[in-house]
C-alpha atoms as a PDB file:
ATOM      1  CA  MET A   1     -68.913   2.806 -11.089  1.00  0.00           C
ATOM      2  CA  ASN A   2     -69.979   5.620  -8.209  1.00  0.00           C
ATOM      3  CA  LYS A   3     -68.879   9.096  -9.888  1.00  0.00           C
ATOM      4  CA  LEU A   4     -68.393  10.495 -13.257  1.00  0.00           C
ATOM      5  CA  LEU A   5     -66.444  13.297 -13.296  1.00  0.00           C
ATOM      6  CA  TYR A   6     -66.652  15.428 -16.777  1.00  0.00           C
ATOM      7  CA  ILE A   7     -63.952  17.821 -17.316  1.00  0.00           C
ATOM      8  CA  SER A   8     -63.868  20.455 -20.281  1.00  0.00           C
ATOM      9  CA  ALA A   9     -61.028  22.726 -21.678  1.00  0.00           C
ATOM     10  CA  ASN A  10     -62.367  24.832 -24.505  1.00  0.00           C
ATOM     11  CA  PRO A  11     -63.471  28.945 -24.078  1.00  0.00           C
ATOM     12  CA  LYS A  12     -65.846  28.244 -27.044  1.00  0.00           C
ATOM     13  CA  PRO A  13     -69.295  27.681 -25.769  1.00  0.00           C
ATOM     14  CA  GLU A  14     -70.949  24.003 -26.077  1.00  0.00           C
ATOM     15  CA  ASN A  15     -72.805  24.903 -29.488  1.00  0.00           C
ATOM     16  CA  LEU A  16     -69.849  25.863 -31.203  1.00  0.00           C
ATOM     17  CA  SER A  17     -67.029  23.547 -29.782  1.00  0.00           C
ATOM     18  CA  ALA A  18     -67.158  19.993 -31.374  1.00  0.00           C
ATOM     19  CA  SER A  19     -65.349  18.017 -28.615  1.00  0.00           C
ATOM     20  CA  LYS A  20     -67.617  19.583 -25.602  1.00  0.00           C
ATOM     21  CA  THR A  21     -70.873  18.413 -27.883  1.00  0.00           C
ATOM     22  CA  VAL A  22     -69.489  14.619 -28.472  1.00  0.00           C
ATOM     23  CA  ALA A  23     -68.096  15.081 -24.814  1.00  0.00           C
ATOM     24  CA  ARG A  24     -71.946  16.057 -23.375  1.00  0.00           C
ATOM     25  CA  ALA A  25     -73.642  13.580 -25.667  1.00  0.00           C
ATOM     26  CA  LEU A  26     -71.152  10.217 -24.064  1.00  0.00           C
ATOM     27  CA  VAL A  27     -71.795  11.881 -20.719  1.00  0.00           C
ATOM     28  CA  GLU A  28     -75.423  11.675 -21.126  1.00  0.00           C
ATOM     29  CA  ARG A  29     -75.250   8.143 -22.279  1.00  0.00           C
ATOM     30  CA  ILE A  30     -73.156   6.809 -19.715  1.00  0.00           C
ATOM     31  CA  ARG A  31     -75.884   8.482 -16.697  1.00  0.00           C
ATOM     32  CA  GLU A  32     -78.735   6.694 -18.706  1.00  0.00           C
ATOM     33  CA  LYS A  33     -76.428   3.596 -18.464  1.00  0.00           C
ATOM     34  CA  TYR A  34     -75.665   3.684 -14.694  1.00  0.00           C
ATOM     35  CA  ARG A  35     -78.834   5.650 -13.370  1.00  0.00           C
ATOM     36  CA  GLU A  36     -77.393   5.827  -9.629  1.00  0.00           C
ATOM     37  CA  ILE A  37     -73.716   7.461 -10.636  1.00  0.00           C
ATOM     38  CA  ALA A  38     -72.850  10.330  -8.971  1.00  0.00           C
ATOM     39  CA  PHE A  39     -71.874  13.399 -11.347  1.00  0.00           C
ATOM     40  CA  GLU A  40     -69.529  16.271 -11.263  1.00  0.00           C
ATOM     41  CA  GLN A  41     -68.489  19.023 -14.179  1.00  0.00           C
ATOM     42  CA  LEU A  42     -65.331  21.187 -14.075  1.00  0.00           C
ATOM     43  CA  ASP A  43     -64.921  23.404 -16.876  1.00  0.00           C
ATOM     44  CA  LEU A  44     -61.484  24.503 -16.865  1.00  0.00           C
ATOM     45  CA  TYR A  45     -61.764  27.964 -18.476  1.00  0.00           C
ATOM     46  CA  GLU A  46     -64.449  28.919 -16.020  1.00  0.00           C
ATOM     47  CA  ASP A  47     -63.670  27.060 -12.482  1.00  0.00           C
ATOM     48  CA  HIS A  48     -60.413  28.549 -10.892  1.00  0.00           C
ATOM     49  CA  ILE A  49     -57.465  26.251 -11.290  1.00  0.00           C
ATOM     50  CA  PRO A  50     -54.549  27.251  -9.470  1.00  0.00           C
ATOM     51  CA  GLN A  51     -50.962  27.576 -10.515  1.00  0.00           C
ATOM     52  CA  LEU A  52     -48.577  26.099  -8.550  1.00  0.00           C
ATOM     53  CA  LYS A  53     -46.262  27.777  -6.573  1.00  0.00           C
ATOM     54  CA  HIS A  54     -43.493  26.631  -4.476  1.00  0.00           C
ATOM     55  CA  SER A  55     -44.611  27.962  -1.326  1.00  0.00           C
ATOM     56  CA  TYR A  56     -47.616  25.670  -1.590  1.00  0.00           C
ATOM     57  CA  PHE A  57     -45.403  22.229  -1.522  1.00  0.00           C
ATOM     58  CA  ALA A  58     -43.130  20.470   1.035  1.00  0.00           C
ATOM     59  CA  GLY A  59     -41.504  18.248  -1.416  1.00  0.00           C
ATOM     60  CA  ARG A  60     -42.209  16.649  -4.631  1.00  0.00           C
ATOM     61  CA  SER A  61     -45.440  17.012  -5.484  1.00  0.00           C
ATOM     62  CA  ALA A  62     -46.252  17.127  -1.858  1.00  0.00           C
ATOM     63  CA  ILE A  63     -48.962  19.864  -0.764  1.00  0.00           C
ATOM     64  CA  ILE A  64     -47.416  21.524   2.658  1.00  0.00           C
ATOM     65  CA  SER A  65     -49.317  20.439   5.641  1.00  0.00           C
ATOM     66  CA  GLU A  66     -52.073  21.901   7.438  1.00  0.00           C
ATOM     67  CA  GLU A  67     -50.190  23.488   9.841  1.00  0.00           C
ATOM     68  CA  GLU A  68     -47.972  25.046   7.095  1.00  0.00           C
ATOM     69  CA  ARG A  69     -50.843  26.388   5.394  1.00  0.00           C
ATOM     70  CA  LYS A  70     -52.016  28.412   8.578  1.00  0.00           C
ATOM     71  CA  ARG A  71     -48.990  30.401   7.993  1.00  0.00           C
ATOM     72  CA  LEU A  72     -49.574  31.545   4.623  1.00  0.00           C
ATOM     73  CA  PRO A  73     -51.409  34.452   3.643  1.00  0.00           C
ATOM     74  CA  GLU A  74     -55.040  34.027   3.199  1.00  0.00           C
ATOM     75  CA  ASN A  75     -55.134  33.974  -0.619  1.00  0.00           C
ATOM     76  CA  GLU A  76     -52.016  31.610  -0.920  1.00  0.00           C
ATOM     77  CA  ARG A  77     -54.104  29.269   1.916  1.00  0.00           C
ATOM     78  CA  ASN A  78     -57.016  29.286  -0.348  1.00  0.00           C
ATOM     79  CA  GLU A  79     -55.139  28.185  -3.370  1.00  0.00           C
ATOM     80  CA  VAL A  80     -53.154  25.319  -1.578  1.00  0.00           C
ATOM     81  CA  GLU A  81     -56.873  24.233  -0.354  1.00  0.00           C
ATOM     82  CA  ARG A  82     -58.546  24.718  -3.753  1.00  0.00           C
ATOM     83  CA  ILE A  83     -55.385  22.491  -5.206  1.00  0.00           C
ATOM     84  CA  ALA A  84     -55.936  19.272  -2.703  1.00  0.00           C
ATOM     85  CA  ALA A  85     -59.836  19.507  -2.963  1.00  0.00           C
ATOM     86  CA  LEU A  86     -59.789  19.121  -6.911  1.00  0.00           C
ATOM     87  CA  CYS A  87     -56.965  16.135  -6.311  1.00  0.00           C
ATOM     88  CA  ASP A  88     -59.782  14.965  -3.960  1.00  0.00           C
ATOM     89  CA  GLN A  89     -62.426  15.173  -6.401  1.00  0.00           C
ATOM     90  CA  PHE A  90     -60.359  13.442  -8.863  1.00  0.00           C
ATOM     91  CA  CYS A  91     -59.132  10.424  -6.657  1.00  0.00           C
ATOM     92  CA  GLY A  92     -63.329   9.892  -5.375  1.00  0.00           C
ATOM     93  CA  SER A  93     -64.077   9.554  -9.099  1.00  0.00           C
ATOM     94  CA  ASP A  94     -64.391   5.922 -11.179  1.00  0.00           C
ATOM     95  CA  ILE A  95     -65.029   7.546 -15.097  1.00  0.00           C
ATOM     96  CA  TYR A  96     -63.667  10.442 -16.421  1.00  0.00           C
ATOM     97  CA  VAL A  97     -64.649  12.254 -19.482  1.00  0.00           C
ATOM     98  CA  LEU A  98     -62.119  15.228 -21.113  1.00  0.00           C
ATOM     99  CA  ALA A  99     -63.147  17.014 -23.478  1.00  0.00           C
ATOM    100  CA  ALA A 100     -60.402  19.028 -25.477  1.00  0.00           C
ATOM    101  CA  PRO A 101     -59.483  20.214 -28.737  1.00  0.00           C
ATOM    102  CA  MET A 102     -55.759  20.042 -30.213  1.00  0.00           C
ATOM    103  CA  TRP A 103     -54.287  23.050 -29.989  1.00  0.00           C
ATOM    104  CA  SER A 104     -50.409  23.094 -31.844  1.00  0.00           C
ATOM    105  CA  LEU A 105     -50.527  19.105 -31.216  1.00  0.00           C
ATOM    106  CA  SER A 106     -51.439  19.086 -27.771  1.00  0.00           C
ATOM    107  CA  PHE A 107     -54.204  20.573 -25.879  1.00  0.00           C
ATOM    108  CA  PRO A 108     -55.167  23.954 -24.138  1.00  0.00           C
ATOM    109  CA  ALA A 109     -52.711  25.057 -21.559  1.00  0.00           C
ATOM    110  CA  PRO A 110     -55.225  24.747 -18.487  1.00  0.00           C
ATOM    111  CA  VAL A 111     -55.286  21.132 -19.012  1.00  0.00           C
ATOM    112  CA  LYS A 112     -51.629  20.728 -18.274  1.00  0.00           C
ATOM    113  CA  GLU A 113     -52.161  23.235 -14.899  1.00  0.00           C
ATOM    114  CA  TYR A 114     -55.204  20.975 -13.734  1.00  0.00           C
ATOM    115  CA  ILE A 115     -52.955  17.646 -14.117  1.00  0.00           C
ATOM    116  CA  ASP A 116     -50.499  19.281 -12.415  1.00  0.00           C
ATOM    117  CA  CYS A 117     -52.804  20.055  -9.463  1.00  0.00           C
ATOM    118  CA  VAL A 118     -54.100  16.386  -9.182  1.00  0.00           C
ATOM    119  CA  ILE A 119     -50.463  14.510  -9.502  1.00  0.00           C
ATOM    120  CA  GLN A 120     -49.811  14.533  -5.507  1.00  0.00           C
ATOM    121  CA  THR A 121     -47.803  12.511  -3.346  1.00  0.00           C
ATOM    122  CA  GLY A 122     -49.672  10.797  -1.140  1.00  0.00           C
ATOM    123  CA  LYS A 123     -52.979  10.542  -2.987  1.00  0.00           C
ATOM    124  CA  THR A 124     -52.247   9.648  -7.136  1.00  0.00           C
ATOM    125  CA  ILE A 125     -48.519   8.900  -6.230  1.00  0.00           C
ATOM    126  CA  ALA A 126     -46.403   7.599  -4.153  1.00  0.00           C
ATOM    127  CA  PHE A 127     -42.081   7.148  -3.762  1.00  0.00           C
ATOM    128  CA  GLU A 128     -40.533   4.106  -3.037  1.00  0.00           C
ATOM    129  CA  ASP A 129     -36.722   4.139  -3.178  1.00  0.00           C
ATOM    130  CA  ASP A 130     -37.042   7.635  -4.697  1.00  0.00           C
ATOM    131  CA  LYS A 131     -39.060   6.091  -7.642  1.00  0.00           C
ATOM    132  CA  PRO A 132     -42.530   7.053  -8.022  1.00  0.00           C
ATOM    133  CA  HIS A 133     -45.421   4.809  -8.976  1.00  0.00           C
ATOM    134  CA  GLY A 134     -49.518   5.272  -9.231  1.00  0.00           C
ATOM    135  CA  LEU A 135     -51.726   4.885  -6.277  1.00  0.00           C
ATOM    136  CA  LEU A 136     -55.096   4.588  -8.413  1.00  0.00           C
ATOM    137  CA  GLY A 137     -54.966   1.424  -9.499  1.00  0.00           C
ATOM    138  CA  SER A 138     -57.036   0.013  -6.385  1.00  0.00           C
ATOM    139  CA  HIS A 139     -60.109  -0.433  -8.276  1.00  0.00           C
ATOM    140  CA  ALA A 140     -61.234  -0.316 -11.813  1.00  0.00           C
ATOM    141  CA  ARG A 141     -61.731   3.340 -13.207  1.00  0.00           C
ATOM    142  CA  LEU A 142     -61.944   4.419 -16.469  1.00  0.00           C
ATOM    143  CA  PHE A 143     -60.384   7.475 -18.606  1.00  0.00           C
ATOM    144  CA  ILE A 144     -62.309   9.129 -21.977  1.00  0.00           C
ATOM    145  CA  TYR A 145     -60.240  11.395 -23.791  1.00  0.00           C
ATOM    146  CA  VAL A 146     -62.438  13.506 -26.576  1.00  0.00           C
ATOM    147  CA  GLN A 147     -60.561  15.332 -28.871  1.00  0.00           C
ATOM    148  CA  ALA A 148     -61.639  17.905 -31.361  1.00  0.00           C
ATOM    149  CA  SER A 149     -59.153  18.450 -34.404  1.00  0.00           C
ATOM    150  CA  GLY A 150     -59.341  20.507 -37.676  1.00  0.00           C
ATOM    151  CA  ALA A 151     -58.158  18.365 -40.022  1.00  0.00           C
ATOM    152  CA  GLN A 152     -58.821  14.506 -40.655  1.00  0.00           C
ATOM    153  CA  ILE A 153     -55.592  12.812 -39.408  1.00  0.00           C
ATOM    154  CA  PRO A 154     -54.763   9.890 -41.274  1.00  0.00           C
ATOM    155  CA  TRP A 155     -53.904   6.673 -38.359  1.00  0.00           C
ATOM    156  CA  ILE A 156     -50.426   6.230 -39.547  1.00  0.00           C
ATOM    157  CA  LEU A 157     -49.537   9.531 -38.487  1.00  0.00           C
ATOM    158  CA  ARG A 158     -51.702  10.086 -35.366  1.00  0.00           C
ATOM    159  CA  PRO A 159     -48.877   8.876 -32.720  1.00  0.00           C
ATOM    160  CA  ALA A 160     -46.786  11.694 -33.771  1.00  0.00           C
ATOM    161  CA  LEU A 161     -49.061  14.272 -34.108  1.00  0.00           C
ATOM    162  CA  ASN A 162     -51.882  13.513 -31.125  1.00  0.00           C
ATOM    163  CA  LYS A 163     -49.006  14.480 -28.649  1.00  0.00           C
ATOM    164  CA  GLY A 164     -51.484  15.574 -25.820  1.00  0.00           C
ATOM    165  CA  LEU A 165     -53.592  12.702 -26.264  1.00  0.00           C
ATOM    166  CA  ASN A 166     -50.545  10.762 -25.975  1.00  0.00           C
ATOM    167  CA  TYR A 167     -49.214  12.679 -22.749  1.00  0.00           C
ATOM    168  CA  VAL A 168     -52.551  12.326 -20.835  1.00  0.00           C
ATOM    169  CA  HIS A 169     -53.007   8.661 -21.676  1.00  0.00           C
ATOM    170  CA  ASP A 170     -49.518   8.019 -20.234  1.00  0.00           C
ATOM    171  CA  VAL A 171     -49.825  10.204 -17.521  1.00  0.00           C
ATOM    172  CA  MET A 172     -53.187   8.212 -16.591  1.00  0.00           C
ATOM    173  CA  ARG A 173     -51.170   4.898 -16.881  1.00  0.00           C
ATOM    174  CA  PHE A 174     -48.479   6.691 -14.715  1.00  0.00           C
ATOM    175  CA  ILE A 175     -50.889   7.136 -11.990  1.00  0.00           C
ATOM    176  CA  GLY A 176     -52.569   4.063 -12.052  1.00  0.00           C
ATOM    177  CA  ILE A 177     -55.750   4.276 -14.376  1.00  0.00           C
ATOM    178  CA  SER A 178     -54.897   1.528 -16.942  1.00  0.00           C
ATOM    179  CA  ARG A 179     -58.312   1.368 -18.893  1.00  0.00           C
ATOM    180  CA  PHE A 180     -58.264   4.616 -21.389  1.00  0.00           C
ATOM    181  CA  GLU A 181     -60.518   5.151 -24.409  1.00  0.00           C
ATOM    182  CA  GLU A 182     -60.274   7.674 -26.980  1.00  0.00           C
ATOM    183  CA  LEU A 183     -62.842   9.173 -28.992  1.00  0.00           C
ATOM    184  CA  LEU A 184     -61.601  11.197 -31.956  1.00  0.00           C
ATOM    185  CA  VAL A 185     -63.445  14.501 -33.497  1.00  0.00           C
ATOM    186  CA  ASP A 186     -61.452  14.597 -36.688  1.00  0.00           C
ATOM    187  CA  GLY A 187     -61.957  17.022 -39.909  1.00  0.00           C
ATOM    188  CA  THR A 188     -64.000  19.637 -37.870  1.00  0.00           C
ATOM    189  CA  GLY A 189     -62.606  22.280 -40.613  1.00  0.00           C
ATOM    190  CA  ASN A 190     -63.690  25.703 -40.905  1.00  0.00           C
ATOM    191  CA  THR A 191     -67.310  25.948 -41.886  1.00  0.00           C
ATOM    192  CA  ASP A 192     -69.931  25.218 -39.503  1.00  0.00           C
ATOM    193  CA  GLU A 193     -71.145  22.553 -42.187  1.00  0.00           C
ATOM    194  CA  GLU A 194     -67.623  20.430 -41.293  1.00  0.00           C
ATOM    195  CA  ARG A 195     -68.117  21.052 -38.021  1.00  0.00           C
ATOM    196  CA  LYS A 196     -71.570  19.574 -38.095  1.00  0.00           C
ATOM    197  CA  GLU A 197     -70.452  16.741 -40.122  1.00  0.00           C
ATOM    198  CA  ALA A 198     -67.291  16.031 -37.875  1.00  0.00           C
ATOM    199  CA  VAL A 199     -69.671  16.039 -34.721  1.00  0.00           C
ATOM    200  CA  GLU A 200     -72.144  13.590 -36.519  1.00  0.00           C
ATOM    201  CA  ARG A 201     -69.336  11.110 -37.114  1.00  0.00           C
ATOM    202  CA  GLY A 202     -68.116  11.905 -33.660  1.00  0.00           C
ATOM    203  CA  LEU A 203     -71.581  10.731 -32.210  1.00  0.00           C
ATOM    204  CA  LYS A 204     -71.696   7.586 -34.042  1.00  0.00           C
ATOM    205  CA  LYS A 205     -68.523   6.349 -32.165  1.00  0.00           C
ATOM    206  CA  ILE A 206     -70.515   6.166 -28.849  1.00  0.00           C
ATOM    207  CA  ASP A 207     -71.631   3.280 -29.083  1.00  0.00           C
ATOM    208  CA  ASP A 208     -68.376   1.793 -29.012  1.00  0.00           C
ATOM    209  CA  ILE A 209     -67.204   3.106 -25.961  1.00  0.00           C
ATOM    210  CA  ILE A 210     -70.492   2.918 -23.907  1.00  0.00           C
ATOM    211  CA  GLN A 211     -70.165  -1.136 -24.532  1.00  0.00           C
ATOM    212  CA  SER A 212     -66.576  -0.604 -22.985  1.00  0.00           C
ATOM    213  CA  ILE A 213     -67.945   0.358 -19.684  1.00  0.00           C
END
């Protein structure tokens, strides 16, 4: 394992976010286990994630060439460069930790905008006979999704209600990341006490995740 990429997607400060609190503890445990691992962090609410425009693409999920970028206005050229950099950062990582709350049965909008930036032809996907397939299965990669939710979700309802988690899982499998772990921080409730209790339960799950790496 050479690089760990930690992606957070919650506008709250870390001390008020159950998902970010648990994810931070998980990230630090991974760094303790792999002391030589490179570490990068991306905050989807603080770092710029471009919205995709038609002019940025030459085809399906294919960013325009360097030559075509030169013809764009400077602000749009910078946006294309940022999209390419986000994708390169993602492709260069081996372990991913994404921390997000469950919002409206899914995740905050910046998560989808980010995923759209890293799904690129020639980097994370390719087309053969007009059918897409993933390109990140060349070596072992691990994606860990840390999700906090206000309610205690019964296991029998999780497939139906965890639409955000299911989506991220399916996309990662699609691009070739076959190892996927979930760390659910359920029952954060409406009070500080409920949130703290949920965080404690989440922290106790970290050992199992670490052992799976």
